[in-house]
Amino acid sequence: MAEKKKVVRNEVEITLAGKVRTMRATFEALQSIEARLGNLTRIIQQVVSGDVGITLCATVTYYGLAGFGDTRLTYEEVGKAVMDMGLGKAMKPVTDFLMIAMAGVDVPLDGPAPK
């Protein structure tokens, strides 16, 4: 029987350079994204309106990976991997990650969702 994958509310998987990696929405990750790109609400409005470029996708992905503790790739390597996968494919995990910021993260990493 296949092992059931643990789902954590503040994590999003993305495949970069052929490897599945995990982005985690942490305070530090979101703060770093804001410091580089501006207010999260404005960033989300850009994404919803389709006003997305490589810099936005690479920045969210890079700091999301860092939020999970994955610092194996440089910012430039993440950007190239996002470009290689195409903005269309990168949009889903980036959007999911940003929606976590809007919904809030109030679940411990190994705890159940609140009722």
C-alpha atoms as a PDB file:
ATOM      1  CA  MET A   1       0.000   0.000   0.000  1.00  0.00           C
ATOM      2  CA  ALA A   2       1.307   3.451  -0.914  1.00  0.00           C
ATOM      3  CA  GLU A   3       2.303   5.698   1.950  1.00  0.00           C
ATOM      4  CA  LYS A   4      -0.238   8.458   2.497  1.00  0.00           C
ATOM      5  CA  LYS A   5       1.284  11.882   2.070  1.00  0.00           C
ATOM      6  CA  LYS A   6       1.018  14.301   4.982  1.00  0.00           C
ATOM      7  CA  VAL A   7      -0.787  17.493   4.034  1.00  0.00           C
ATOM      8  CA  VAL A   8       0.211  20.646   5.840  1.00  0.00           C
ATOM      9  CA  ARG A   9      -1.845  23.789   5.401  1.00  0.00           C
ATOM     10  CA  ASN A  10       1.014  26.215   4.995  1.00  0.00           C
ATOM     11  CA  GLU A  11       3.020  24.195   2.476  1.00  0.00           C
ATOM     12  CA  VAL A  12       2.903  23.999  -1.314  1.00  0.00           C
ATOM     13  CA  GLU A  13       4.875  21.646  -3.543  1.00  0.00           C
ATOM     14  CA  ILE A  14       6.585  22.798  -6.719  1.00  0.00           C
ATOM     15  CA  THR A  15       8.681  20.806  -9.175  1.00  0.00           C
ATOM     16  CA  LEU A  16      11.897  22.623 -10.091  1.00  0.00           C
ATOM     17  CA  ALA A  17      14.615  21.159 -12.278  1.00  0.00           C
ATOM     18  CA  GLY A  18      12.929  17.759 -12.087  1.00  0.00           C
ATOM     19  CA  LYS A  19      12.779  17.644  -8.282  1.00  0.00           C
ATOM     20  CA  VAL A  20       9.743  18.079  -6.083  1.00  0.00           C
ATOM     21  CA  ARG A  21      10.438  20.788  -3.525  1.00  0.00           C
ATOM     22  CA  THR A  22       8.308  22.346  -0.826  1.00  0.00           C
ATOM     23  CA  MET A  23       7.539  25.989  -0.181  1.00  0.00           C
ATOM     24  CA  ARG A  24       6.373  26.952   3.301  1.00  0.00           C
ATOM     25  CA  ALA A  25       4.561  30.173   4.122  1.00  0.00           C
ATOM     26  CA  THR A  26       6.304  31.496   7.207  1.00  0.00           C
ATOM     27  CA  PHE A  27       6.405  34.996   8.618  1.00  0.00           C
ATOM     28  CA  GLU A  28       9.998  35.341   7.488  1.00  0.00           C
ATOM     29  CA  ALA A  29       9.239  34.122   3.959  1.00  0.00           C
ATOM     30  CA  LEU A  30       6.278  36.455   3.539  1.00  0.00           C
ATOM     31  CA  GLN A  31       8.192  39.372   5.031  1.00  0.00           C
ATOM     32  CA  SER A  32      11.071  38.774   2.600  1.00  0.00           C
ATOM     33  CA  ILE A  33       8.654  38.642  -0.342  1.00  0.00           C
ATOM     34  CA  GLU A  34       7.100  41.957   0.746  1.00  0.00           C
ATOM     35  CA  ALA A  35      10.533  43.543   1.207  1.00  0.00           C
ATOM     36  CA  ARG A  36      11.443  42.641  -2.369  1.00  0.00           C
ATOM     37  CA  LEU A  37       8.103  43.070  -4.184  1.00  0.00           C
ATOM     38  CA  GLY A  38       5.869  45.260  -2.014  1.00  0.00           C
ATOM     39  CA  ASN A  39       2.607  44.705  -0.163  1.00  0.00           C
ATOM     40  CA  LEU A  40       1.230  41.133  -0.321  1.00  0.00           C
ATOM     41  CA  THR A  41      -2.296  42.313  -1.087  1.00  0.00           C
ATOM     42  CA  ARG A  42      -1.017  44.201  -4.125  1.00  0.00           C
ATOM     43  CA  ILE A  43       1.024  41.164  -5.211  1.00  0.00           C
ATOM     44  CA  ILE A  44      -2.058  38.957  -4.984  1.00  0.00           C
ATOM     45  CA  GLN A  45      -4.075  41.497  -6.987  1.00  0.00           C
ATOM     46  CA  GLN A  46      -1.374  41.339  -9.675  1.00  0.00           C
ATOM     47  CA  VAL A  47      -1.562  37.549  -9.759  1.00  0.00           C
ATOM     48  CA  VAL A  48      -5.369  37.520  -9.952  1.00  0.00           C
ATOM     49  CA  SER A  49      -5.321  40.025 -12.814  1.00  0.00           C
ATOM     50  CA  GLY A  50      -2.673  37.997 -14.671  1.00  0.00           C
ATOM     51  CA  ASP A  51      -0.007  40.692 -14.300  1.00  0.00           C
ATOM     52  CA  VAL A  52       2.757  38.228 -13.490  1.00  0.00           C
ATOM     53  CA  GLY A  53       6.361  38.052 -14.562  1.00  0.00           C
ATOM     54  CA  ILE A  54       9.418  35.954 -13.927  1.00  0.00           C
ATOM     55  CA  THR A  55      10.586  38.195 -11.060  1.00  0.00           C
ATOM     56  CA  LEU A  56       7.368  37.722  -9.090  1.00  0.00           C
ATOM     57  CA  CYS A  57       7.317  33.949  -9.609  1.00  0.00           C
ATOM     58  CA  ALA A  58      11.021  33.534  -8.856  1.00  0.00           C
ATOM     59  CA  THR A  59      10.859  35.717  -5.739  1.00  0.00           C
ATOM     60  CA  VAL A  60       7.841  33.969  -4.239  1.00  0.00           C
ATOM     61  CA  THR A  61       9.329  30.568  -5.048  1.00  0.00           C
ATOM     62  CA  TYR A  62      12.782  31.395  -3.691  1.00  0.00           C
ATOM     63  CA  TYR A  63      11.545  32.739  -0.366  1.00  0.00           C
ATOM     64  CA  GLY A  64       8.899  30.024  -0.122  1.00  0.00           C
ATOM     65  CA  LEU A  65      11.635  27.392  -0.427  1.00  0.00           C
ATOM     66  CA  ALA A  66      13.699  29.252   2.175  1.00  0.00           C
ATOM     67  CA  GLY A  67      10.657  29.177   4.474  1.00  0.00           C
ATOM     68  CA  PHE A  68      10.860  25.386   4.307  1.00  0.00           C
ATOM     69  CA  GLY A  69      14.597  25.536   4.992  1.00  0.00           C
ATOM     70  CA  ASP A  70      15.525  24.635   1.417  1.00  0.00           C
ATOM     71  CA  THR A  71      18.363  26.976   0.469  1.00  0.00           C
ATOM     72  CA  ARG A  72      20.136  24.657  -1.956  1.00  0.00           C
ATOM     73  CA  LEU A  73      19.317  26.856  -4.964  1.00  0.00           C
ATOM     74  CA  THR A  74      20.388  30.457  -5.417  1.00  0.00           C
ATOM     75  CA  TYR A  75      17.852  33.093  -6.414  1.00  0.00           C
ATOM     76  CA  GLU A  76      19.208  32.991  -9.955  1.00  0.00           C
ATOM     77  CA  GLU A  77      18.927  29.181 -10.109  1.00  0.00           C
ATOM     78  CA  VAL A  78      15.327  29.365  -8.912  1.00  0.00           C
ATOM     79  CA  GLY A  79      14.592  32.032 -11.513  1.00  0.00           C
ATOM     80  CA  LYS A  80      16.075  29.926 -14.309  1.00  0.00           C
ATOM     81  CA  ALA A  81      14.167  26.841 -13.126  1.00  0.00           C
ATOM     82  CA  VAL A  82      10.904  28.815 -13.057  1.00  0.00           C
ATOM     83  CA  MET A  83      11.649  30.147 -16.536  1.00  0.00           C
ATOM     84  CA  ASP A  84      12.396  26.620 -17.766  1.00  0.00           C
ATOM     85  CA  MET A  85       9.095  25.302 -16.386  1.00  0.00           C
ATOM     86  CA  GLY A  86       7.199  28.253 -17.870  1.00  0.00           C
ATOM     87  CA  LEU A  87       5.190  30.930 -16.124  1.00  0.00           C
ATOM     88  CA  GLY A  88       1.962  29.074 -16.830  1.00  0.00           C
ATOM     89  CA  LYS A  89       3.053  26.043 -14.815  1.00  0.00           C
ATOM     90  CA  ALA A  90       4.691  28.149 -12.106  1.00  0.00           C
ATOM     91  CA  MET A  91       1.521  30.153 -11.523  1.00  0.00           C
ATOM     92  CA  LYS A  92      -0.438  27.404  -9.731  1.00  0.00           C
ATOM     93  CA  PRO A  93       2.000  26.779  -6.856  1.00  0.00           C
ATOM     94  CA  VAL A  94       2.847  30.490  -6.606  1.00  0.00           C
ATOM     95  CA  THR A  95      -0.848  31.405  -6.436  1.00  0.00           C
ATOM     96  CA  ASP A  96      -1.532  28.653  -3.893  1.00  0.00           C
ATOM     97  CA  PHE A  97       1.353  29.912  -1.761  1.00  0.00           C
ATOM     98  CA  LEU A  98       0.081  33.498  -1.830  1.00  0.00           C
ATOM     99  CA  MET A  99      -3.466  32.401  -0.991  1.00  0.00           C
ATOM    100  CA  ILE A 100      -2.102  30.826   2.183  1.00  0.00           C
ATOM    101  CA  ALA A 101      -0.911  34.282   3.202  1.00  0.00           C
ATOM    102  CA  MET A 102      -4.424  35.647   2.721  1.00  0.00           C
ATOM    103  CA  ALA A 103      -6.146  32.734   4.492  1.00  0.00           C
ATOM    104  CA  GLY A 104      -3.759  32.706   7.428  1.00  0.00           C
ATOM    105  CA  VAL A 105      -1.611  30.016   8.907  1.00  0.00           C
ATOM    106  CA  ASP A 106      -2.863  28.998  12.318  1.00  0.00           C
ATOM    107  CA  VAL A 107      -2.080  25.299  12.291  1.00  0.00           C
ATOM    108  CA  PRO A 108       1.037  23.809  13.886  1.00  0.00           C
ATOM    109  CA  LEU A 109       3.120  21.896  11.379  1.00  0.00           C
ATOM    110  CA  ASP A 110       2.163  18.555  12.853  1.00  0.00           C
ATOM    111  CA  GLY A 111      -1.225  19.402  14.296  1.00  0.00           C
ATOM    112  CA  PRO A 112      -4.750  19.095  12.944  1.00  0.00           C
ATOM    113  CA  ALA A 113      -6.665  22.001  11.479  1.00  0.00           C
ATOM    114  CA  PRO A 114      -8.701  23.910  14.067  1.00  0.00           C
ATOM    115  CA  LYS A 115     -12.445  23.259  14.189  1.00  0.00           C
END
